[in-house]
Amino acid sequence: GESWIQPDNIEVNGPYKLAYWRTGDQLVSEKNP
């Protein structure tokens, strides 16, 4: 559902995938092999 974009759940088809998200601070994406 709406939480599909959270780091624990998300799947992507692009070069980077979300690994960390702390609101008001930073987000980190990892290379998608």
PDB file of all heavy atoms in Angstrom:
ATOM      1  N   GLY A   1       0.821  -1.200   0.000  1.00  0.00           N
ATOM      2  CA  GLY A   1       0.000   0.000   0.000  1.00  0.00           C
ATOM      3  C   GLY A   1       0.861   1.259   0.000  1.00  0.00           C
ATOM      4  O   GLY A   1       1.892   1.322  -0.673  1.00  0.00           O
ATOM      5  N   GLU A   2       0.461   2.265   0.779  1.00  0.00           N
ATOM      6  CA  GLU A   2       1.156   3.545   0.771  1.00  0.00           C
ATOM      7  C   GLU A   2       2.599   3.438   1.265  1.00  0.00           C
ATOM      8  O   GLU A   2       3.432   4.296   0.956  1.00  0.00           O
ATOM      9  CB  GLU A   2       0.400   4.567   1.630  1.00  0.00           C
ATOM     10  CG  GLU A   2      -0.935   4.978   1.036  1.00  0.00           C
ATOM     11  CD  GLU A   2      -1.576   6.113   1.806  1.00  0.00           C
ATOM     12  OE1 GLU A   2      -0.857   6.798   2.569  1.00  0.00           O
ATOM     13  OE2 GLU A   2      -2.786   6.333   1.645  1.00  0.00           O
ATOM     14  N   SER A   3       2.908   2.406   2.021  1.00  0.00           N
ATOM     15  CA  SER A   3       4.270   2.273   2.555  1.00  0.00           C
ATOM     16  C   SER A   3       5.213   1.571   1.581  1.00  0.00           C
ATOM     17  O   SER A   3       6.343   1.225   1.950  1.00  0.00           O
ATOM     18  CB  SER A   3       4.246   1.527   3.892  1.00  0.00           C
ATOM     19  OG  SER A   3       3.788   0.198   3.722  1.00  0.00           O
ATOM     20  N   TRP A   4       4.784   1.374   0.334  1.00  0.00           N
ATOM     21  CA  TRP A   4       5.648   0.679  -0.618  1.00  0.00           C
ATOM     22  C   TRP A   4       6.932   1.456  -0.898  1.00  0.00           C
ATOM     23  O   TRP A   4       7.940   0.862  -1.299  1.00  0.00           O
ATOM     24  CB  TRP A   4       4.915   0.406  -1.927  1.00  0.00           C
ATOM     25  CG  TRP A   4       4.778   1.574  -2.872  1.00  0.00           C
ATOM     26  CD1 TRP A   4       3.787   2.510  -2.899  1.00  0.00           C
ATOM     27  CD2 TRP A   4       5.666   1.909  -3.957  1.00  0.00           C
ATOM     28  NE1 TRP A   4       4.000   3.416  -3.919  1.00  0.00           N
ATOM     29  CE2 TRP A   4       5.152   3.064  -4.583  1.00  0.00           C
ATOM     30  CE3 TRP A   4       6.847   1.358  -4.450  1.00  0.00           C
ATOM     31  CZ2 TRP A   4       5.768   3.672  -5.684  1.00  0.00           C
ATOM     32  CZ3 TRP A   4       7.466   1.965  -5.541  1.00  0.00           C
ATOM     33  CH2 TRP A   4       6.930   3.106  -6.146  1.00  0.00           C
ATOM     34  N   ILE A   5       6.941   2.759  -0.657  1.00  0.00           N
ATOM     35  CA  ILE A   5       8.123   3.568  -0.953  1.00  0.00           C
ATOM     36  C   ILE A   5       9.125   3.596   0.198  1.00  0.00           C
ATOM     37  O   ILE A   5      10.190   4.208   0.082  1.00  0.00           O
ATOM     38  CB  ILE A   5       7.724   5.019  -1.296  1.00  0.00           C
ATOM     39  CG1 ILE A   5       6.921   5.630  -0.140  1.00  0.00           C
ATOM     40  CG2 ILE A   5       6.954   5.080  -2.592  1.00  0.00           C
ATOM     41  CD1 ILE A   5       6.666   7.111  -0.297  1.00  0.00           C
ATOM     42  N   GLN A   6       8.829   2.952   1.307  1.00  0.00           N
ATOM     43  CA  GLN A   6       9.761   2.931   2.428  1.00  0.00           C
ATOM     44  C   GLN A   6      10.956   2.011   2.125  1.00  0.00           C
ATOM     45  O   GLN A   6      10.830   1.045   1.364  1.00  0.00           O
ATOM     46  CB  GLN A   6       9.047   2.461   3.693  1.00  0.00           C
ATOM     47  CG  GLN A   6       7.972   3.423   4.175  1.00  0.00           C
ATOM     48  CD  GLN A   6       8.532   4.806   4.481  1.00  0.00           C
ATOM     49  OE1 GLN A   6       9.592   4.936   5.093  1.00  0.00           O
ATOM     50  NE2 GLN A   6       7.815   5.839   4.051  1.00  0.00           N
ATOM     51  N   PRO A   7      12.119   2.315   2.698  1.00  0.00           N
ATOM     52  CA  PRO A   7      13.326   1.538   2.375  1.00  0.00           C
ATOM     53  C   PRO A   7      13.170   0.026   2.550  1.00  0.00           C
ATOM     54  O   PRO A   7      13.746  -0.745   1.775  1.00  0.00           O
ATOM     55  CB  PRO A   7      14.368   2.096   3.359  1.00  0.00           C
ATOM     56  CG  PRO A   7      13.927   3.503   3.599  1.00  0.00           C
ATOM     57  CD  PRO A   7      12.421   3.450   3.597  1.00  0.00           C
ATOM     58  N   ASP A   8      12.398  -0.404   3.547  1.00  0.00           N
ATOM     59  CA  ASP A   8      12.229  -1.844   3.773  1.00  0.00           C
ATOM     60  C   ASP A   8      11.447  -2.531   2.659  1.00  0.00           C
ATOM     61  O   ASP A   8      11.545  -3.750   2.492  1.00  0.00           O
ATOM     62  CB  ASP A   8      11.510  -2.095   5.099  1.00  0.00           C
ATOM     63  CG  ASP A   8      12.417  -1.902   6.302  1.00  0.00           C
ATOM     64  OD1 ASP A   8      13.623  -1.658   6.093  1.00  0.00           O
ATOM     65  OD2 ASP A   8      11.918  -1.982   7.432  1.00  0.00           O
ATOM     66  N   ASN A   9      10.654  -1.748   1.909  1.00  0.00           N
ATOM     67  CA  ASN A   9       9.697  -2.351   0.974  1.00  0.00           C
ATOM     68  C   ASN A   9       9.976  -2.066  -0.499  1.00  0.00           C
ATOM     69  O   ASN A   9       9.635  -2.884  -1.356  1.00  0.00           O
ATOM     70  CB  ASN A   9       8.284  -1.845   1.293  1.00  0.00           C
ATOM     71  CG  ASN A   9       7.897  -2.070   2.738  1.00  0.00           C
ATOM     72  OD1 ASN A   9       8.308  -3.050   3.366  1.00  0.00           O
ATOM     73  ND2 ASN A   9       7.102  -1.160   3.288  1.00  0.00           N
ATOM     74  N   ILE A  10      10.550  -0.935  -0.784  1.00  0.00           N
ATOM     75  CA  ILE A  10      10.584  -0.423  -2.154  1.00  0.00           C
ATOM     76  C   ILE A  10      11.365  -1.333  -3.102  1.00  0.00           C
ATOM     77  O   ILE A  10      12.367  -1.938  -2.722  1.00  0.00           O
ATOM     78  CB  ILE A  10      11.172   1.003  -2.168  1.00  0.00           C
ATOM     79  CG1 ILE A  10      10.927   1.680  -3.522  1.00  0.00           C
ATOM     80  CG2 ILE A  10      12.652   0.990  -1.811  1.00  0.00           C
ATOM     81  CD1 ILE A  10      11.217   3.163  -3.519  1.00  0.00           C
ATOM     82  N   GLU A  11      10.855  -1.443  -4.327  1.00  0.00           N
ATOM     83  CA  GLU A  11      11.580  -2.056  -5.429  1.00  0.00           C
ATOM     84  C   GLU A  11      11.519  -1.082  -6.604  1.00  0.00           C
ATOM     85  O   GLU A  11      10.500  -0.418  -6.818  1.00  0.00           O
ATOM     86  CB  GLU A  11      10.983  -3.412  -5.827  1.00  0.00           C
ATOM     87  CG  GLU A  11      10.956  -4.452  -4.714  1.00  0.00           C
ATOM     88  CD  GLU A  11      12.339  -4.875  -4.206  1.00  0.00           C
ATOM     89  OE1 GLU A  11      13.359  -4.547  -4.855  1.00  0.00           O
ATOM     90  OE2 GLU A  11      12.400  -5.525  -3.138  1.00  0.00           O
ATOM     91  N   VAL A  12      12.611  -0.988  -7.360  1.00  0.00           N
ATOM     92  CA  VAL A  12      12.721   0.007  -8.424  1.00  0.00           C
ATOM     93  C   VAL A  12      13.283  -0.645  -9.677  1.00  0.00           C
ATOM     94  O   VAL A  12      13.789  -1.765  -9.643  1.00  0.00           O
ATOM     95  CB  VAL A  12      13.619   1.183  -7.981  1.00  0.00           C
ATOM     96  CG1 VAL A  12      13.051   1.858  -6.736  1.00  0.00           C
ATOM     97  CG2 VAL A  12      15.055   0.713  -7.714  1.00  0.00           C
ATOM     98  N   ASN A  13      13.236   0.103 -10.780  1.00  0.00           N
ATOM     99  CA  ASN A  13      13.831  -0.413 -12.016  1.00  0.00           C
ATOM    100  C   ASN A  13      14.963   0.473 -12.516  1.00  0.00           C
ATOM    101  O   ASN A  13      15.486   0.260 -13.602  1.00  0.00           O
ATOM    102  CB  ASN A  13      12.773  -0.554 -13.116  1.00  0.00           C
ATOM    103  CG  ASN A  13      12.332   0.798 -13.680  1.00  0.00           C
ATOM    104  OD1 ASN A  13      12.325   1.801 -12.965  1.00  0.00           O
ATOM    105  ND2 ASN A  13      11.947   0.825 -14.941  1.00  0.00           N
ATOM    106  N   GLY A  14      15.335   1.498 -11.709  1.00  0.00           N
ATOM    107  CA  GLY A  14      16.346   2.444 -12.116  1.00  0.00           C
ATOM    108  C   GLY A  14      17.700   2.182 -11.484  1.00  0.00           C
ATOM    109  O   GLY A  14      17.926   1.146 -10.843  1.00  0.00           O
ATOM    110  N   PRO A  15      18.623   3.117 -11.632  1.00  0.00           N
ATOM    111  CA  PRO A  15      20.005   2.890 -11.207  1.00  0.00           C
ATOM    112  C   PRO A  15      20.220   2.872  -9.700  1.00  0.00           C
ATOM    113  O   PRO A  15      21.193   2.296  -9.231  1.00  0.00           O
ATOM    114  CB  PRO A  15      20.763   4.060 -11.837  1.00  0.00           C
ATOM    115  CG  PRO A  15      19.737   5.097 -12.111  1.00  0.00           C
ATOM    116  CD  PRO A  15      18.479   4.366 -12.414  1.00  0.00           C
ATOM    117  N   TYR A  16      19.319   3.515  -8.927  1.00  0.00           N
ATOM    118  CA  TYR A  16      19.503   3.574  -7.479  1.00  0.00           C
ATOM    119  C   TYR A  16      18.235   3.184  -6.741  1.00  0.00           C
ATOM    120  O   TYR A  16      17.125   3.444  -7.210  1.00  0.00           O
ATOM    121  CB  TYR A  16      19.950   4.978  -7.047  1.00  0.00           C
ATOM    122  CG  TYR A  16      21.327   5.332  -7.537  1.00  0.00           C
ATOM    123  CD1 TYR A  16      21.500   6.105  -8.682  1.00  0.00           C
ATOM    124  CD2 TYR A  16      22.458   4.865  -6.878  1.00  0.00           C
ATOM    125  CE1 TYR A  16      22.762   6.408  -9.155  1.00  0.00           C
ATOM    126  CE2 TYR A  16      23.733   5.163  -7.344  1.00  0.00           C
ATOM    127  CZ  TYR A  16      23.878   5.937  -8.480  1.00  0.00           C
ATOM    128  OH  TYR A  16      25.143   6.221  -8.946  1.00  0.00           O
ATOM    129  N   LYS A  17      18.410   2.567  -5.584  1.00  0.00           N
ATOM    130  CA  LYS A  17      17.297   2.107  -4.763  1.00  0.00           C
ATOM    131  C   LYS A  17      17.414   2.686  -3.357  1.00  0.00           C
ATOM    132  O   LYS A  17      18.488   2.649  -2.747  1.00  0.00           O
ATOM    133  CB  LYS A  17      17.307   0.575  -4.692  1.00  0.00           C
ATOM    134  CG  LYS A  17      16.228  -0.034  -3.809  1.00  0.00           C
ATOM    135  CD  LYS A  17      16.362  -1.553  -3.777  1.00  0.00           C
ATOM    136  CE  LYS A  17      15.371  -2.178  -2.808  1.00  0.00           C
ATOM    137  NZ  LYS A  17      15.504  -3.647  -2.757  1.00  0.00           N
ATOM    138  N   LEU A  18      16.321   3.209  -2.832  1.00  0.00           N
ATOM    139  CA  LEU A  18      16.317   3.832  -1.519  1.00  0.00           C
ATOM    140  C   LEU A  18      16.739   2.841  -0.437  1.00  0.00           C
ATOM    141  O   LEU A  18      16.207   1.733  -0.345  1.00  0.00           O
ATOM    142  CB  LEU A  18      14.921   4.365  -1.208  1.00  0.00           C
ATOM    143  CG  LEU A  18      14.773   5.195   0.069  1.00  0.00           C
ATOM    144  CD1 LEU A  18      15.533   6.522  -0.064  1.00  0.00           C
ATOM    145  CD2 LEU A  18      13.300   5.462   0.370  1.00  0.00           C
ATOM    146  N   ALA A  19      17.703   3.272   0.402  1.00  0.00           N
ATOM    147  CA  ALA A  19      18.178   2.422   1.491  1.00  0.00           C
ATOM    148  C   ALA A  19      17.962   3.050   2.855  1.00  0.00           C
ATOM    149  O   ALA A  19      17.942   2.350   3.864  1.00  0.00           O
ATOM    150  CB  ALA A  19      19.674   2.127   1.305  1.00  0.00           C
ATOM    151  N   TYR A  20      17.813   4.375   2.889  1.00  0.00           N
ATOM    152  CA  TYR A  20      17.720   5.073   4.178  1.00  0.00           C
ATOM    153  C   TYR A  20      16.956   6.374   3.977  1.00  0.00           C
ATOM    154  O   TYR A  20      17.105   7.042   2.953  1.00  0.00           O
ATOM    155  CB  TYR A  20      19.126   5.368   4.702  1.00  0.00           C
ATOM    156  CG  TYR A  20      19.197   6.186   5.966  1.00  0.00           C
ATOM    157  CD1 TYR A  20      18.949   5.614   7.205  1.00  0.00           C
ATOM    158  CD2 TYR A  20      19.532   7.542   5.910  1.00  0.00           C
ATOM    159  CE1 TYR A  20      19.031   6.379   8.370  1.00  0.00           C
ATOM    160  CE2 TYR A  20      19.615   8.303   7.067  1.00  0.00           C
ATOM    161  CZ  TYR A  20      19.362   7.719   8.294  1.00  0.00           C
ATOM    162  OH  TYR A  20      19.444   8.467   9.431  1.00  0.00           O
ATOM    163  N   TRP A  21      16.108   6.720   4.953  1.00  0.00           N
ATOM    164  CA  TRP A  21      15.312   7.948   4.848  1.00  0.00           C
ATOM    165  C   TRP A  21      15.018   8.450   6.249  1.00  0.00           C
ATOM    166  O   TRP A  21      14.271   7.824   6.987  1.00  0.00           O
ATOM    167  CB  TRP A  21      14.023   7.647   4.084  1.00  0.00           C
ATOM    168  CG  TRP A  21      13.125   8.836   3.849  1.00  0.00           C
ATOM    169  CD1 TRP A  21      13.297  10.125   4.259  1.00  0.00           C
ATOM    170  CD2 TRP A  21      11.887   8.828   3.116  1.00  0.00           C
ATOM    171  NE1 TRP A  21      12.262  10.918   3.845  1.00  0.00           N
ATOM    172  CE2 TRP A  21      11.377  10.148   3.135  1.00  0.00           C
ATOM    173  CE3 TRP A  21      11.164   7.829   2.468  1.00  0.00           C
ATOM    174  CZ2 TRP A  21      10.177  10.483   2.526  1.00  0.00           C
ATOM    175  CZ3 TRP A  21       9.979   8.165   1.855  1.00  0.00           C
ATOM    176  CH2 TRP A  21       9.487   9.476   1.875  1.00  0.00           C
ATOM    177  N   ARG A  22      15.640   9.557   6.602  1.00  0.00           N
ATOM    178  CA  ARG A  22      15.350  10.197   7.871  1.00  0.00           C
ATOM    179  C   ARG A  22      14.827  11.602   7.571  1.00  0.00           C
ATOM    180  O   ARG A  22      15.580  12.482   7.138  1.00  0.00           O
ATOM    181  CB  ARG A  22      16.584  10.271   8.770  1.00  0.00           C
ATOM    182  CG  ARG A  22      16.268  10.840  10.167  1.00  0.00           C
ATOM    183  CD  ARG A  22      17.408  10.591  11.145  1.00  0.00           C
ATOM    184  NE  ARG A  22      18.602  11.341  10.772  1.00  0.00           N
ATOM    185  CZ  ARG A  22      19.793  11.134  11.325  1.00  0.00           C
ATOM    186  NH1 ARG A  22      19.958  10.168  12.218  1.00  0.00           N
ATOM    187  NH2 ARG A  22      20.840  11.862  10.968  1.00  0.00           N
ATOM    188  N   THR A  23      13.518  11.802   7.775  1.00  0.00           N
ATOM    189  CA  THR A  23      12.852  13.046   7.408  1.00  0.00           C
ATOM    190  C   THR A  23      13.508  14.243   8.086  1.00  0.00           C
ATOM    191  O   THR A  23      13.810  14.219   9.276  1.00  0.00           O
ATOM    192  CB  THR A  23      11.366  12.988   7.785  1.00  0.00           C
ATOM    193  OG1 THR A  23      10.765  11.877   7.110  1.00  0.00           O
ATOM    194  CG2 THR A  23      10.650  14.273   7.388  1.00  0.00           C
ATOM    195  N   GLY A  24      13.713  15.290   7.291  1.00  0.00           N
ATOM    196  CA  GLY A  24      14.316  16.502   7.806  1.00  0.00           C
ATOM    197  C   GLY A  24      15.824  16.464   7.819  1.00  0.00           C
ATOM    198  O   GLY A  24      16.469  17.435   8.211  1.00  0.00           O
ATOM    199  N   ASP A  25      16.395  15.358   7.370  1.00  0.00           N
ATOM    200  CA  ASP A  25      17.848  15.226   7.414  1.00  0.00           C
ATOM    201  C   ASP A  25      18.377  14.785   6.060  1.00  0.00           C
ATOM    202  O   ASP A  25      18.858  15.587   5.280  1.00  0.00           O
ATOM    203  CB  ASP A  25      18.245  14.247   8.513  1.00  0.00           C
ATOM    204  CG  ASP A  25      19.740  14.040   8.622  1.00  0.00           C
ATOM    205  OD1 ASP A  25      20.484  14.908   8.133  1.00  0.00           O
ATOM    206  OD2 ASP A  25      20.167  13.016   9.189  1.00  0.00           O
ATOM    207  N   GLN A  26      18.251  13.492   5.764  1.00  0.00           N
ATOM    208  CA  GLN A  26      18.831  12.991   4.526  1.00  0.00           C
ATOM    209  C   GLN A  26      18.177  11.689   4.086  1.00  0.00           C
ATOM    210  O   GLN A  26      17.515  10.999   4.866  1.00  0.00           O
ATOM    211  CB  GLN A  26      20.329  12.778   4.687  1.00  0.00           C
ATOM    212  CG  GLN A  26      20.677  11.745   5.761  1.00  0.00           C
ATOM    213  CD  GLN A  26      22.165  11.651   6.012  1.00  0.00           C
ATOM    214  OE1 GLN A  26      22.860  10.927   5.314  1.00  0.00           O
ATOM    215  NE2 GLN A  26      22.654  12.390   7.005  1.00  0.00           N
ATOM    216  N   LEU A  27      18.386  11.389   2.806  1.00  0.00           N
ATOM    217  CA  LEU A  27      18.005  10.107   2.222  1.00  0.00           C
ATOM    218  C   LEU A  27      19.252   9.530   1.575  1.00  0.00           C
ATOM    219  O   LEU A  27      20.143  10.281   1.143  1.00  0.00           O
ATOM    220  CB  LEU A  27      16.906  10.261   1.169  1.00  0.00           C
ATOM    221  CG  LEU A  27      15.606  10.962   1.576  1.00  0.00           C
ATOM    222  CD1 LEU A  27      15.701  12.470   1.344  1.00  0.00           C
ATOM    223  CD2 LEU A  27      14.422  10.396   0.788  1.00  0.00           C
ATOM    224  N   VAL A  28      19.317   8.216   1.487  1.00  0.00           N
ATOM    225  CA  VAL A  28      20.445   7.555   0.841  1.00  0.00           C
ATOM    226  C   VAL A  28      19.907   6.471  -0.087  1.00  0.00           C
ATOM    227  O   VAL A  28      19.036   5.688   0.305  1.00  0.00           O
ATOM    228  CB  VAL A  28      21.401   6.909   1.864  1.00  0.00           C
ATOM    229  CG1 VAL A  28      22.577   6.242   1.146  1.00  0.00           C
ATOM    230  CG2 VAL A  28      21.911   7.941   2.857  1.00  0.00           C
ATOM    231  N   SER A  29      20.421   6.450  -1.298  1.00  0.00           N
ATOM    232  CA  SER A  29      20.077   5.390  -2.246  1.00  0.00           C
ATOM    233  C   SER A  29      21.325   4.598  -2.602  1.00  0.00           C
ATOM    234  O   SER A  29      22.424   5.162  -2.721  1.00  0.00           O
ATOM    235  CB  SER A  29      19.450   5.973  -3.516  1.00  0.00           C
ATOM    236  OG  SER A  29      18.177   6.493  -3.249  1.00  0.00           O
ATOM    237  N   GLU A  30      21.135   3.295  -2.773  1.00  0.00           N
ATOM    238  CA  GLU A  30      22.223   2.391  -3.137  1.00  0.00           C
ATOM    239  C   GLU A  30      22.103   1.997  -4.610  1.00  0.00           C
ATOM    240  O   GLU A  30      21.003   1.888  -5.149  1.00  0.00           O
ATOM    241  CB  GLU A  30      22.130   1.111  -2.284  1.00  0.00           C
ATOM    242  CG  GLU A  30      22.354   1.314  -0.802  1.00  0.00           C
ATOM    243  CD  GLU A  30      23.775   1.025  -0.397  1.00  0.00           C
ATOM    244  OE1 GLU A  30      24.521   0.466  -1.223  1.00  0.00           O
ATOM    245  OE2 GLU A  30      24.141   1.350   0.745  1.00  0.00           O
ATOM    246  N   LYS A  31      23.222   1.763  -5.226  1.00  0.00           N
ATOM    247  CA  LYS A  31      23.241   1.311  -6.613  1.00  0.00           C
ATOM    248  C   LYS A  31      22.449   0.012  -6.755  1.00  0.00           C
ATOM    249  O   LYS A  31      22.584  -0.906  -5.941  1.00  0.00           O
ATOM    250  CB  LYS A  31      24.675   1.103  -7.075  1.00  0.00           C
ATOM    251  CG  LYS A  31      24.823   0.695  -8.533  1.00  0.00           C
ATOM    252  CD  LYS A  31      26.308   0.618  -8.900  1.00  0.00           C
ATOM    253  CE  LYS A  31      26.513   0.130 -10.321  1.00  0.00           C
ATOM    254  NZ  LYS A  31      27.951   0.054 -10.667  1.00  0.00           N
ATOM    255  N   ASN A  32      21.617  -0.054  -7.786  1.00  0.00           N
ATOM    256  CA  ASN A  32      20.790  -1.222  -8.060  1.00  0.00           C
ATOM    257  C   ASN A  32      21.521  -2.125  -9.055  1.00  0.00           C
ATOM    258  O   ASN A  32      21.634  -1.786 -10.232  1.00  0.00           O
ATOM    259  CB  ASN A  32      19.447  -0.768  -8.642  1.00  0.00           C
ATOM    260  CG  ASN A  32      18.605  -1.913  -9.177  1.00  0.00           C
ATOM    261  OD1 ASN A  32      18.802  -3.068  -8.818  1.00  0.00           O
ATOM    262  ND2 ASN A  32      17.655  -1.593 -10.057  1.00  0.00           N
ATOM    263  N   PRO A  33      22.017  -3.265  -8.611  1.00  0.00           N
ATOM    264  CA  PRO A  33      22.803  -4.120  -9.506  1.00  0.00           C
ATOM    265  C   PRO A  33      21.985  -4.724 -10.644  1.00  0.00           C
ATOM    266  O   PRO A  33      22.557  -5.203 -11.627  1.00  0.00           O
ATOM    267  CB  PRO A  33      23.344  -5.215  -8.578  1.00  0.00           C
ATOM    268  CG  PRO A  33      22.382  -5.252  -7.427  1.00  0.00           C
ATOM    269  CD  PRO A  33      21.914  -3.841  -7.251  1.00  0.00           C
TER     270      PRO A  33
END
